[in-house]
């Protein structure tokens, strides 16, 4: 089972990201589960959502405590909560930023992860360029496909199009493809 935990803030599309990720996996014939977790449900409050992907039925229903991948939509959360709690020693970390781990103050937390498992992608910048709104979720799914291979980019495109048909979907797909390319270039 491949488990993903998505950290962000209210209004960034954290829950939608988990949903689209599960749809992408389902489109590939896999079993998938998206689980939102809400605390304070207001704009800007920390939000976390989870996604599980497996080749067989998923019976777990609890939060992901030992993720194989982390998506961090808002890097200010590194200093607010323990984002890295439970991360697999072989885990992946995808961060919405153009800053380095040193600049973010997380170099010690990621130093033992395998080479290529920590990627920074300026997803909000890509979203602003293509979607015209600071919503990094779809772009980060494209980058996740690039670094983990847990899902394919074609499935991400179809999942985004299902969630956001029309021009909004097209813009998000363009942002996701740009993030995919950015993550592959790192």
N, C-alpha and C. Protein backbone atom coordinates (compact mmCIF):
# COMPACT_ATOMS: atom_id res chain seq x y z
N UNK A 1 0.85 -1.18 0.00
CA UNK A 1 0.00 0.00 0.00
C UNK A 1 0.89 1.24 0.00
N UNK A 2 0.52 2.23 -0.80
CA UNK A 2 1.24 3.50 -0.87
C UNK A 2 0.35 4.53 -0.20
N UNK A 3 0.88 5.20 0.83
CA UNK A 3 0.09 6.14 1.62
C UNK A 3 0.66 7.55 1.50
N UNK A 4 -0.24 8.50 1.25
CA UNK A 4 0.15 9.89 1.06
C UNK A 4 -0.57 10.75 2.08
N UNK A 5 0.18 11.67 2.67
CA UNK A 5 -0.42 12.65 3.58
C UNK A 5 -0.18 14.03 2.96
N UNK A 6 -1.25 14.81 2.87
CA UNK A 6 -1.18 16.13 2.25
C UNK A 6 -1.43 17.18 3.33
N UNK A 7 -0.46 18.09 3.48
CA UNK A 7 -0.56 19.17 4.46
C UNK A 7 -0.73 20.49 3.73
N UNK A 8 -1.62 21.31 4.22
CA UNK A 8 -1.81 22.64 3.64
C UNK A 8 -2.64 23.48 4.57
N UNK A 9 -3.22 24.50 4.02
CA UNK A 9 -4.09 25.40 4.78
C UNK A 9 -5.44 25.47 4.10
N UNK A 10 -6.45 25.76 4.91
CA UNK A 10 -7.81 25.86 4.39
C UNK A 10 -7.86 26.80 3.20
N UNK A 11 -8.50 26.35 2.13
CA UNK A 11 -8.62 27.16 0.93
C UNK A 11 -7.61 26.82 -0.14
N UNK A 12 -6.64 25.94 0.15
CA UNK A 12 -5.62 25.56 -0.83
C UNK A 12 -5.99 24.31 -1.63
N UNK A 13 -7.11 23.71 -1.33
CA UNK A 13 -7.53 22.53 -2.08
C UNK A 13 -6.90 21.24 -1.61
N UNK A 14 -6.59 21.14 -0.34
CA UNK A 14 -5.97 19.92 0.22
C UNK A 14 -6.91 18.72 0.06
N UNK A 15 -8.15 18.89 0.44
CA UNK A 15 -9.12 17.79 0.36
C UNK A 15 -9.38 17.43 -1.11
N UNK A 16 -9.50 18.42 -1.96
CA UNK A 16 -9.69 18.15 -3.39
C UNK A 16 -8.49 17.41 -3.97
N UNK A 17 -7.29 17.72 -3.51
CA UNK A 17 -6.09 17.02 -3.99
C UNK A 17 -6.17 15.54 -3.65
N UNK A 18 -6.55 15.22 -2.42
CA UNK A 18 -6.67 13.81 -2.01
C UNK A 18 -7.74 13.10 -2.85
N UNK A 19 -8.84 13.78 -3.10
CA UNK A 19 -9.90 13.19 -3.91
C UNK A 19 -9.43 12.93 -5.33
N UNK A 20 -8.78 13.92 -5.94
CA UNK A 20 -8.31 13.74 -7.32
C UNK A 20 -7.23 12.65 -7.39
N UNK A 21 -6.39 12.57 -6.38
CA UNK A 21 -5.37 11.52 -6.34
C UNK A 21 -6.01 10.14 -6.28
N UNK A 22 -7.05 10.01 -5.49
CA UNK A 22 -7.72 8.71 -5.40
C UNK A 22 -8.44 8.37 -6.71
N UNK A 23 -9.00 9.36 -7.37
CA UNK A 23 -9.65 9.13 -8.67
C UNK A 23 -8.60 8.70 -9.70
N UNK A 24 -7.45 9.35 -9.70
CA UNK A 24 -6.38 8.99 -10.64
C UNK A 24 -5.97 7.53 -10.45
N UNK A 25 -5.82 7.11 -9.19
CA UNK A 25 -5.45 5.72 -8.91
C UNK A 25 -6.56 4.77 -9.35
N UNK A 26 -7.79 5.13 -9.08
CA UNK A 26 -8.94 4.31 -9.47
C UNK A 26 -8.99 4.13 -10.99
N UNK A 27 -8.68 5.20 -11.72
CA UNK A 27 -8.67 5.14 -13.18
C UNK A 27 -7.63 4.16 -13.70
N UNK A 28 -6.62 3.88 -12.89
CA UNK A 28 -5.58 2.93 -13.26
C UNK A 28 -5.91 1.51 -12.81
N UNK A 29 -7.13 1.32 -12.30
CA UNK A 29 -7.55 0.00 -11.87
C UNK A 29 -7.10 -0.36 -10.46
N UNK A 30 -6.63 0.63 -9.72
CA UNK A 30 -6.18 0.39 -8.36
C UNK A 30 -7.30 0.70 -7.38
N UNK A 31 -7.14 0.23 -6.16
CA UNK A 31 -8.03 0.61 -5.08
C UNK A 31 -7.46 1.87 -4.46
N UNK A 32 -8.34 2.78 -4.10
CA UNK A 32 -7.88 4.05 -3.55
C UNK A 32 -8.88 4.56 -2.53
N UNK A 33 -8.36 5.37 -1.65
CA UNK A 33 -9.19 5.93 -0.58
C UNK A 33 -8.68 7.33 -0.27
N UNK A 34 -9.57 8.29 -0.26
CA UNK A 34 -9.26 9.67 0.13
C UNK A 34 -9.98 9.96 1.44
N UNK A 35 -9.23 10.48 2.41
CA UNK A 35 -9.80 10.75 3.73
C UNK A 35 -9.43 12.17 4.14
N UNK A 36 -10.42 13.05 4.29
CA UNK A 36 -10.11 14.39 4.80
C UNK A 36 -10.04 14.37 6.32
N UNK A 37 -9.35 15.33 6.87
CA UNK A 37 -9.29 15.48 8.32
C UNK A 37 -9.37 16.96 8.63
N UNK A 38 -10.42 17.34 9.31
CA UNK A 38 -10.64 18.74 9.59
C UNK A 38 -10.47 19.03 11.07
N UNK A 39 -9.92 20.18 11.34
CA UNK A 39 -9.88 20.69 12.71
C UNK A 39 -10.74 21.93 12.65
N UNK A 40 -10.08 23.05 12.71
CA UNK A 40 -10.75 24.32 12.56
C UNK A 40 -10.99 24.54 11.07
N UNK A 41 -12.23 24.59 10.66
CA UNK A 41 -12.56 24.66 9.23
C UNK A 41 -12.66 26.09 8.74
N UNK A 42 -11.56 26.83 8.83
CA UNK A 42 -11.60 28.20 8.34
C UNK A 42 -10.44 28.43 7.38
N UNK A 43 -10.61 29.42 6.54
CA UNK A 43 -9.58 29.76 5.57
C UNK A 43 -8.26 30.03 6.28
N UNK A 44 -7.22 29.37 5.83
CA UNK A 44 -5.89 29.59 6.40
C UNK A 44 -5.51 28.68 7.54
N UNK A 45 -6.45 27.94 8.10
CA UNK A 45 -6.15 27.03 9.21
C UNK A 45 -5.44 25.78 8.65
N UNK A 46 -4.55 25.17 9.43
CA UNK A 46 -3.90 23.94 8.95
C UNK A 46 -4.94 22.85 8.65
N UNK A 47 -4.75 22.19 7.50
CA UNK A 47 -5.64 21.12 7.06
C UNK A 47 -4.76 19.96 6.61
N UNK A 48 -5.23 18.76 6.85
CA UNK A 48 -4.50 17.58 6.38
C UNK A 48 -5.52 16.63 5.74
N UNK A 49 -5.09 15.97 4.69
CA UNK A 49 -5.92 14.96 4.04
C UNK A 49 -5.00 13.78 3.70
N UNK A 50 -5.60 12.63 3.50
CA UNK A 50 -4.84 11.41 3.29
C UNK A 50 -5.35 10.69 2.06
N UNK A 51 -4.45 9.94 1.44
CA UNK A 51 -4.85 9.08 0.33
C UNK A 51 -4.06 7.78 0.43
N UNK A 52 -4.75 6.70 0.21
CA UNK A 52 -4.12 5.38 0.16
C UNK A 52 -4.36 4.78 -1.23
N UNK A 53 -3.33 4.12 -1.75
CA UNK A 53 -3.43 3.48 -3.06
C UNK A 53 -2.88 2.07 -2.90
N UNK A 54 -3.64 1.09 -3.42
CA UNK A 54 -3.18 -0.30 -3.32
C UNK A 54 -3.77 -1.10 -4.48
N UNK A 55 -3.19 -2.27 -4.69
CA UNK A 55 -3.70 -3.18 -5.72
C UNK A 55 -4.83 -4.05 -5.20
N UNK A 56 -5.04 -4.01 -3.90
CA UNK A 56 -6.13 -4.80 -3.31
C UNK A 56 -7.00 -3.89 -2.44
N UNK A 57 -8.11 -4.42 -2.01
CA UNK A 57 -9.06 -3.65 -1.22
C UNK A 57 -8.39 -3.05 0.01
N UNK A 58 -8.77 -1.81 0.32
CA UNK A 58 -8.22 -1.10 1.47
C UNK A 58 -9.27 -1.11 2.57
N UNK A 59 -8.91 -1.68 3.70
CA UNK A 59 -9.86 -1.78 4.82
C UNK A 59 -9.59 -0.74 5.90
N UNK A 60 -8.43 -0.14 5.91
CA UNK A 60 -8.09 0.88 6.91
C UNK A 60 -8.97 2.10 6.74
N UNK A 61 -9.29 2.76 7.83
CA UNK A 61 -10.08 3.98 7.77
C UNK A 61 -9.47 5.10 8.61
N UNK A 62 -8.38 4.81 9.29
CA UNK A 62 -7.80 5.81 10.16
C UNK A 62 -6.85 6.73 9.39
N UNK A 63 -6.43 7.82 10.01
CA UNK A 63 -5.49 8.73 9.36
C UNK A 63 -4.18 8.02 9.01
N UNK A 64 -3.48 8.54 8.03
CA UNK A 64 -2.18 8.00 7.64
C UNK A 64 -1.14 8.49 8.63
N UNK A 65 -0.63 7.57 9.44
CA UNK A 65 0.37 7.92 10.45
C UNK A 65 1.79 7.65 9.98
N UNK A 66 1.94 6.76 9.00
CA UNK A 66 3.26 6.42 8.47
C UNK A 66 3.24 6.56 6.95
N UNK A 67 3.28 7.81 6.46
CA UNK A 67 3.17 8.04 5.02
C UNK A 67 4.41 7.61 4.24
N UNK A 68 4.16 7.20 3.01
CA UNK A 68 5.23 6.93 2.06
C UNK A 68 5.59 8.21 1.31
N UNK A 69 4.66 9.15 1.29
CA UNK A 69 4.89 10.43 0.62
C UNK A 69 4.16 11.54 1.36
N UNK A 70 4.80 12.68 1.40
CA UNK A 70 4.21 13.90 1.96
C UNK A 70 4.10 14.93 0.86
N UNK A 71 2.97 15.59 0.79
CA UNK A 71 2.82 16.75 -0.07
C UNK A 71 2.60 17.92 0.87
N UNK A 72 3.45 18.91 0.78
CA UNK A 72 3.35 20.08 1.65
C UNK A 72 2.98 21.28 0.78
N UNK A 73 1.70 21.65 0.85
CA UNK A 73 1.21 22.74 0.03
C UNK A 73 1.59 24.10 0.58
N UNK A 74 1.88 24.18 1.88
CA UNK A 74 2.26 25.44 2.49
C UNK A 74 3.47 25.22 3.40
N UNK A 75 4.67 25.63 2.96
CA UNK A 75 5.88 25.36 3.74
C UNK A 75 5.96 26.10 5.07
N UNK A 76 5.06 27.06 5.33
CA UNK A 76 5.07 27.69 6.65
C UNK A 76 4.65 26.70 7.74
N UNK A 77 4.04 25.60 7.32
CA UNK A 77 3.60 24.58 8.28
C UNK A 77 4.77 23.85 8.93
N UNK A 78 5.95 23.87 8.31
CA UNK A 78 7.11 23.19 8.89
C UNK A 78 7.41 23.68 10.30
N UNK A 79 7.09 24.93 10.56
CA UNK A 79 7.40 25.51 11.87
C UNK A 79 6.17 25.58 12.77
N UNK A 80 5.06 25.04 12.30
CA UNK A 80 3.82 25.05 13.09
C UNK A 80 3.45 23.67 13.60
N UNK A 81 3.72 22.62 12.80
CA UNK A 81 3.38 21.25 13.18
C UNK A 81 4.51 20.32 12.74
N UNK A 82 4.50 19.10 13.24
CA UNK A 82 5.51 18.12 12.84
C UNK A 82 5.04 17.41 11.57
N UNK A 83 5.31 18.05 10.45
CA UNK A 83 4.90 17.53 9.15
C UNK A 83 5.53 16.17 8.87
N UNK A 84 6.77 15.96 9.33
CA UNK A 84 7.52 14.75 9.01
C UNK A 84 7.20 13.54 9.90
N UNK A 85 6.30 13.70 10.84
CA UNK A 85 5.98 12.61 11.78
C UNK A 85 5.61 11.33 11.02
N UNK A 86 6.32 10.25 11.33
CA UNK A 86 6.01 8.94 10.78
C UNK A 86 6.48 8.68 9.36
N UNK A 87 7.12 9.65 8.71
CA UNK A 87 7.53 9.47 7.32
C UNK A 87 8.47 8.29 7.18
N UNK A 88 8.20 7.45 6.20
CA UNK A 88 9.04 6.29 5.90
C UNK A 88 10.47 6.74 5.62
N UNK A 89 11.47 5.96 6.05
CA UNK A 89 12.87 6.29 5.74
C UNK A 89 13.15 6.31 4.23
N UNK A 90 12.28 5.68 3.44
CA UNK A 90 12.40 5.69 1.98
C UNK A 90 11.38 6.65 1.36
N UNK A 91 10.77 7.49 2.20
CA UNK A 91 9.66 8.33 1.77
C UNK A 91 10.03 9.44 0.82
N UNK A 92 8.99 10.02 0.26
CA UNK A 92 9.09 11.15 -0.66
C UNK A 92 8.52 12.38 0.01
N UNK A 93 9.12 13.53 -0.28
CA UNK A 93 8.61 14.80 0.22
C UNK A 93 8.53 15.76 -0.96
N UNK A 94 7.34 16.26 -1.20
CA UNK A 94 7.08 17.21 -2.28
C UNK A 94 6.63 18.52 -1.64
N UNK A 95 7.39 19.58 -1.90
CA UNK A 95 7.14 20.85 -1.23
C UNK A 95 6.80 21.93 -2.25
N UNK A 96 5.76 22.67 -1.98
CA UNK A 96 5.34 23.79 -2.82
C UNK A 96 6.21 25.00 -2.50
N UNK A 97 7.36 25.07 -3.16
CA UNK A 97 8.28 26.20 -2.93
C UNK A 97 9.38 26.17 -3.96
N UNK A 98 10.07 27.28 -4.08
CA UNK A 98 11.29 27.32 -4.89
C UNK A 98 12.50 27.45 -3.98
N UNK A 99 12.28 27.48 -2.66
CA UNK A 99 13.37 27.58 -1.69
C UNK A 99 14.00 26.21 -1.43
N UNK A 100 15.24 26.22 -1.03
CA UNK A 100 15.96 24.99 -0.70
C UNK A 100 15.57 24.51 0.69
N UNK A 101 15.93 23.26 0.99
CA UNK A 101 15.69 22.70 2.32
C UNK A 101 16.39 23.54 3.39
N UNK A 102 17.58 24.02 3.08
CA UNK A 102 18.32 24.87 4.02
C UNK A 102 17.56 26.17 4.29
N UNK A 103 17.07 26.79 3.22
CA UNK A 103 16.32 28.04 3.37
C UNK A 103 15.04 27.83 4.16
N UNK A 104 14.45 26.66 4.03
CA UNK A 104 13.22 26.35 4.75
C UNK A 104 13.47 25.91 6.19
N UNK A 105 14.72 25.63 6.53
CA UNK A 105 15.06 25.18 7.88
C UNK A 105 14.73 23.72 8.13
N UNK A 106 14.70 22.90 7.06
CA UNK A 106 14.33 21.49 7.21
C UNK A 106 15.43 20.54 6.73
N UNK A 107 16.62 21.06 6.52
CA UNK A 107 17.70 20.24 5.96
C UNK A 107 17.97 19.01 6.82
N UNK A 108 17.97 19.16 8.13
CA UNK A 108 18.21 18.01 9.01
C UNK A 108 17.09 16.96 8.91
N UNK A 109 15.87 17.42 8.72
CA UNK A 109 14.72 16.50 8.66
C UNK A 109 14.73 15.64 7.40
N UNK A 110 15.34 16.13 6.32
CA UNK A 110 15.29 15.40 5.05
C UNK A 110 16.64 14.83 4.61
N UNK A 111 17.68 15.06 5.40
CA UNK A 111 19.04 14.69 4.98
C UNK A 111 19.23 13.19 4.76
N UNK A 112 18.48 12.34 5.45
CA UNK A 112 18.67 10.90 5.33
C UNK A 112 17.75 10.23 4.31
N UNK A 113 16.89 11.01 3.67
CA UNK A 113 16.02 10.44 2.64
C UNK A 113 16.83 10.16 1.39
N UNK A 114 16.42 9.15 0.62
CA UNK A 114 17.17 8.82 -0.61
C UNK A 114 17.27 10.01 -1.57
N UNK A 115 18.33 10.02 -2.34
CA UNK A 115 18.52 11.07 -3.32
C UNK A 115 17.33 11.09 -4.29
N UNK A 116 16.85 12.28 -4.57
CA UNK A 116 15.73 12.44 -5.49
C UNK A 116 14.36 12.30 -4.84
N UNK A 117 14.32 12.02 -3.55
CA UNK A 117 13.04 11.83 -2.87
C UNK A 117 12.49 13.12 -2.26
N UNK A 118 13.25 14.19 -2.33
CA UNK A 118 12.77 15.49 -1.84
C UNK A 118 12.79 16.44 -3.03
N UNK A 119 11.63 16.96 -3.37
CA UNK A 119 11.54 17.87 -4.51
C UNK A 119 10.77 19.12 -4.12
N UNK A 120 11.28 20.22 -4.61
CA UNK A 120 10.62 21.51 -4.44
C UNK A 120 10.07 21.93 -5.79
N UNK A 121 8.80 22.24 -5.84
CA UNK A 121 8.15 22.67 -7.07
C UNK A 121 7.35 23.94 -6.75
N UNK A 122 7.55 25.01 -7.52
CA UNK A 122 6.81 26.25 -7.25
C UNK A 122 5.36 26.16 -7.75
N UNK A 123 4.58 25.31 -7.10
CA UNK A 123 3.22 25.01 -7.56
C UNK A 123 2.29 26.21 -7.49
N UNK A 124 2.43 27.05 -6.47
CA UNK A 124 1.57 28.23 -6.40
C UNK A 124 1.88 29.18 -7.54
N UNK A 125 3.16 29.33 -7.87
CA UNK A 125 3.54 30.18 -9.00
C UNK A 125 2.95 29.62 -10.30
N UNK A 126 3.02 28.32 -10.46
CA UNK A 126 2.45 27.70 -11.66
C UNK A 126 0.93 27.87 -11.70
N UNK A 127 0.29 27.72 -10.54
CA UNK A 127 -1.16 27.91 -10.48
C UNK A 127 -1.54 29.36 -10.81
N UNK A 128 -0.78 30.31 -10.29
CA UNK A 128 -1.07 31.71 -10.60
C UNK A 128 -0.89 31.98 -12.10
N UNK A 129 0.11 31.38 -12.68
CA UNK A 129 0.38 31.59 -14.12
C UNK A 129 -0.74 31.01 -14.98
N UNK A 130 -1.18 29.80 -14.65
CA UNK A 130 -2.14 29.11 -15.52
C UNK A 130 -3.59 29.17 -15.04
N UNK A 131 -3.80 29.06 -13.74
CA UNK A 131 -5.16 29.02 -13.19
C UNK A 131 -5.63 30.41 -12.77
N UNK A 132 -4.65 31.29 -12.54
CA UNK A 132 -4.92 32.67 -12.10
C UNK A 132 -5.43 32.74 -10.67
N UNK A 133 -5.18 31.67 -9.90
CA UNK A 133 -5.55 31.63 -8.48
C UNK A 133 -4.47 30.85 -7.75
N UNK A 134 -4.23 31.17 -6.46
CA UNK A 134 -3.16 30.49 -5.71
C UNK A 134 -3.59 29.13 -5.17
N UNK A 135 -3.92 28.22 -6.08
CA UNK A 135 -4.37 26.88 -5.71
C UNK A 135 -3.37 25.85 -6.23
N UNK A 136 -2.43 25.41 -5.39
CA UNK A 136 -1.34 24.55 -5.84
C UNK A 136 -1.67 23.07 -5.95
N UNK A 137 -2.87 22.66 -5.55
CA UNK A 137 -3.18 21.23 -5.42
C UNK A 137 -3.01 20.42 -6.70
N UNK A 138 -3.60 20.84 -7.79
CA UNK A 138 -3.53 20.07 -9.03
C UNK A 138 -2.10 20.01 -9.55
N UNK A 139 -1.40 21.13 -9.47
CA UNK A 139 0.00 21.15 -9.92
C UNK A 139 0.84 20.15 -9.13
N UNK A 140 0.63 20.09 -7.84
CA UNK A 140 1.41 19.17 -7.01
C UNK A 140 1.12 17.71 -7.34
N UNK A 141 -0.08 17.40 -7.80
CA UNK A 141 -0.37 16.02 -8.20
C UNK A 141 0.44 15.63 -9.43
N UNK A 142 0.64 16.58 -10.33
CA UNK A 142 1.50 16.32 -11.48
C UNK A 142 2.92 16.04 -11.03
N UNK A 143 3.41 16.82 -10.09
CA UNK A 143 4.76 16.61 -9.56
C UNK A 143 4.86 15.28 -8.82
N UNK A 144 3.82 14.90 -8.09
CA UNK A 144 3.83 13.61 -7.38
C UNK A 144 3.95 12.45 -8.37
N UNK A 145 3.24 12.55 -9.47
CA UNK A 145 3.33 11.51 -10.50
C UNK A 145 4.77 11.40 -11.01
N UNK A 146 5.43 12.53 -11.15
CA UNK A 146 6.80 12.54 -11.67
C UNK A 146 7.79 11.90 -10.70
N UNK A 147 7.66 12.20 -9.41
CA UNK A 147 8.71 11.73 -8.49
C UNK A 147 8.47 10.35 -7.92
N UNK A 148 7.21 9.92 -7.82
CA UNK A 148 6.94 8.63 -7.17
C UNK A 148 6.57 7.52 -8.13
N UNK A 149 5.93 7.86 -9.22
CA UNK A 149 5.42 6.83 -10.12
C UNK A 149 4.22 6.09 -9.55
N UNK A 150 3.69 6.54 -8.41
CA UNK A 150 2.53 5.89 -7.80
C UNK A 150 1.29 6.02 -8.66
N UNK A 151 1.24 7.08 -9.45
CA UNK A 151 0.17 7.32 -10.41
C UNK A 151 0.81 7.83 -11.69
N UNK A 152 0.09 7.71 -12.79
CA UNK A 152 0.59 8.18 -14.08
C UNK A 152 0.01 9.56 -14.39
N UNK A 153 0.77 10.34 -15.13
CA UNK A 153 0.32 11.69 -15.47
C UNK A 153 -0.99 11.68 -16.24
N UNK A 154 -1.19 10.72 -17.13
CA UNK A 154 -2.45 10.64 -17.88
C UNK A 154 -3.64 10.49 -16.94
N UNK A 155 -3.46 9.75 -15.86
CA UNK A 155 -4.54 9.56 -14.88
C UNK A 155 -4.78 10.83 -14.10
N UNK A 156 -3.72 11.56 -13.79
CA UNK A 156 -3.86 12.85 -13.10
C UNK A 156 -4.67 13.80 -13.98
N UNK A 157 -4.34 13.85 -15.26
CA UNK A 157 -5.06 14.72 -16.20
C UNK A 157 -6.54 14.37 -16.21
N UNK A 158 -6.85 13.09 -16.31
CA UNK A 158 -8.26 12.67 -16.35
C UNK A 158 -8.98 12.97 -15.04
N UNK A 159 -8.29 12.79 -13.91
CA UNK A 159 -8.90 13.07 -12.61
C UNK A 159 -9.19 14.56 -12.45
N UNK A 160 -8.25 15.40 -12.88
CA UNK A 160 -8.47 16.85 -12.81
C UNK A 160 -9.64 17.23 -13.69
N UNK A 161 -9.70 16.68 -14.88
CA UNK A 161 -10.78 16.98 -15.82
C UNK A 161 -12.13 16.54 -15.28
N UNK A 162 -12.14 15.44 -14.52
CA UNK A 162 -13.38 14.96 -13.90
C UNK A 162 -13.84 15.92 -12.81
N UNK A 163 -12.90 16.39 -12.00
CA UNK A 163 -13.23 17.28 -10.88
C UNK A 163 -13.56 18.68 -11.36
N UNK A 164 -12.82 19.17 -12.36
CA UNK A 164 -12.97 20.53 -12.86
C UNK A 164 -13.11 20.53 -14.37
N UNK A 165 -14.29 20.19 -14.89
CA UNK A 165 -14.44 20.18 -16.34
C UNK A 165 -14.37 21.60 -16.92
N UNK A 166 -14.03 21.68 -18.19
CA UNK A 166 -14.01 22.97 -18.87
C UNK A 166 -12.71 23.72 -18.71
N UNK A 167 -12.80 25.05 -18.78
CA UNK A 167 -11.61 25.90 -18.77
C UNK A 167 -10.83 25.81 -17.47
N UNK A 168 -11.51 25.67 -16.35
CA UNK A 168 -10.81 25.56 -15.06
C UNK A 168 -9.98 24.28 -15.05
N UNK A 169 -10.56 23.21 -15.53
CA UNK A 169 -9.82 21.95 -15.62
C UNK A 169 -8.63 22.05 -16.55
N UNK A 170 -8.84 22.66 -17.70
CA UNK A 170 -7.75 22.81 -18.67
C UNK A 170 -6.59 23.60 -18.06
N UNK A 171 -6.90 24.66 -17.34
CA UNK A 171 -5.85 25.48 -16.71
C UNK A 171 -5.11 24.68 -15.65
N UNK A 172 -5.86 23.92 -14.85
CA UNK A 172 -5.22 23.08 -13.82
C UNK A 172 -4.38 21.97 -14.45
N UNK A 173 -4.82 21.43 -15.54
CA UNK A 173 -4.06 20.39 -16.24
C UNK A 173 -2.75 20.97 -16.76
N UNK A 174 -2.81 22.17 -17.31
CA UNK A 174 -1.59 22.82 -17.79
C UNK A 174 -0.61 23.05 -16.63
N UNK A 175 -1.14 23.48 -15.48
CA UNK A 175 -0.28 23.67 -14.30
C UNK A 175 0.31 22.34 -13.83
N UNK A 176 -0.50 21.28 -13.84
CA UNK A 176 -0.02 19.97 -13.41
C UNK A 176 1.07 19.45 -14.35
N UNK A 177 0.89 19.65 -15.64
CA UNK A 177 1.91 19.22 -16.60
C UNK A 177 3.20 20.01 -16.42
N UNK A 178 3.08 21.30 -16.15
CA UNK A 178 4.28 22.12 -15.91
C UNK A 178 4.99 21.67 -14.64
N UNK A 179 4.24 21.32 -13.61
CA UNK A 179 4.84 20.82 -12.37
C UNK A 179 5.49 19.46 -12.58
N UNK A 180 4.87 18.61 -13.39
CA UNK A 180 5.45 17.32 -13.75
C UNK A 180 6.82 17.52 -14.39
N UNK A 181 6.89 18.44 -15.34
CA UNK A 181 8.16 18.74 -16.01
C UNK A 181 9.17 19.34 -15.05
N UNK A 182 8.72 20.22 -14.17
CA UNK A 182 9.61 20.84 -13.18
C UNK A 182 10.19 19.79 -12.24
N UNK A 183 9.35 18.87 -11.78
CA UNK A 183 9.81 17.83 -10.86
C UNK A 183 10.78 16.88 -11.55
N UNK A 184 10.56 16.60 -12.82
CA UNK A 184 11.47 15.73 -13.57
C UNK A 184 12.80 16.40 -13.85
N UNK A 185 12.79 17.75 -13.90
CA UNK A 185 14.02 18.49 -14.19
C UNK A 185 14.94 18.58 -12.98
N UNK A 186 14.38 18.43 -11.78
CA UNK A 186 15.19 18.57 -10.55
C UNK A 186 16.14 17.41 -10.38
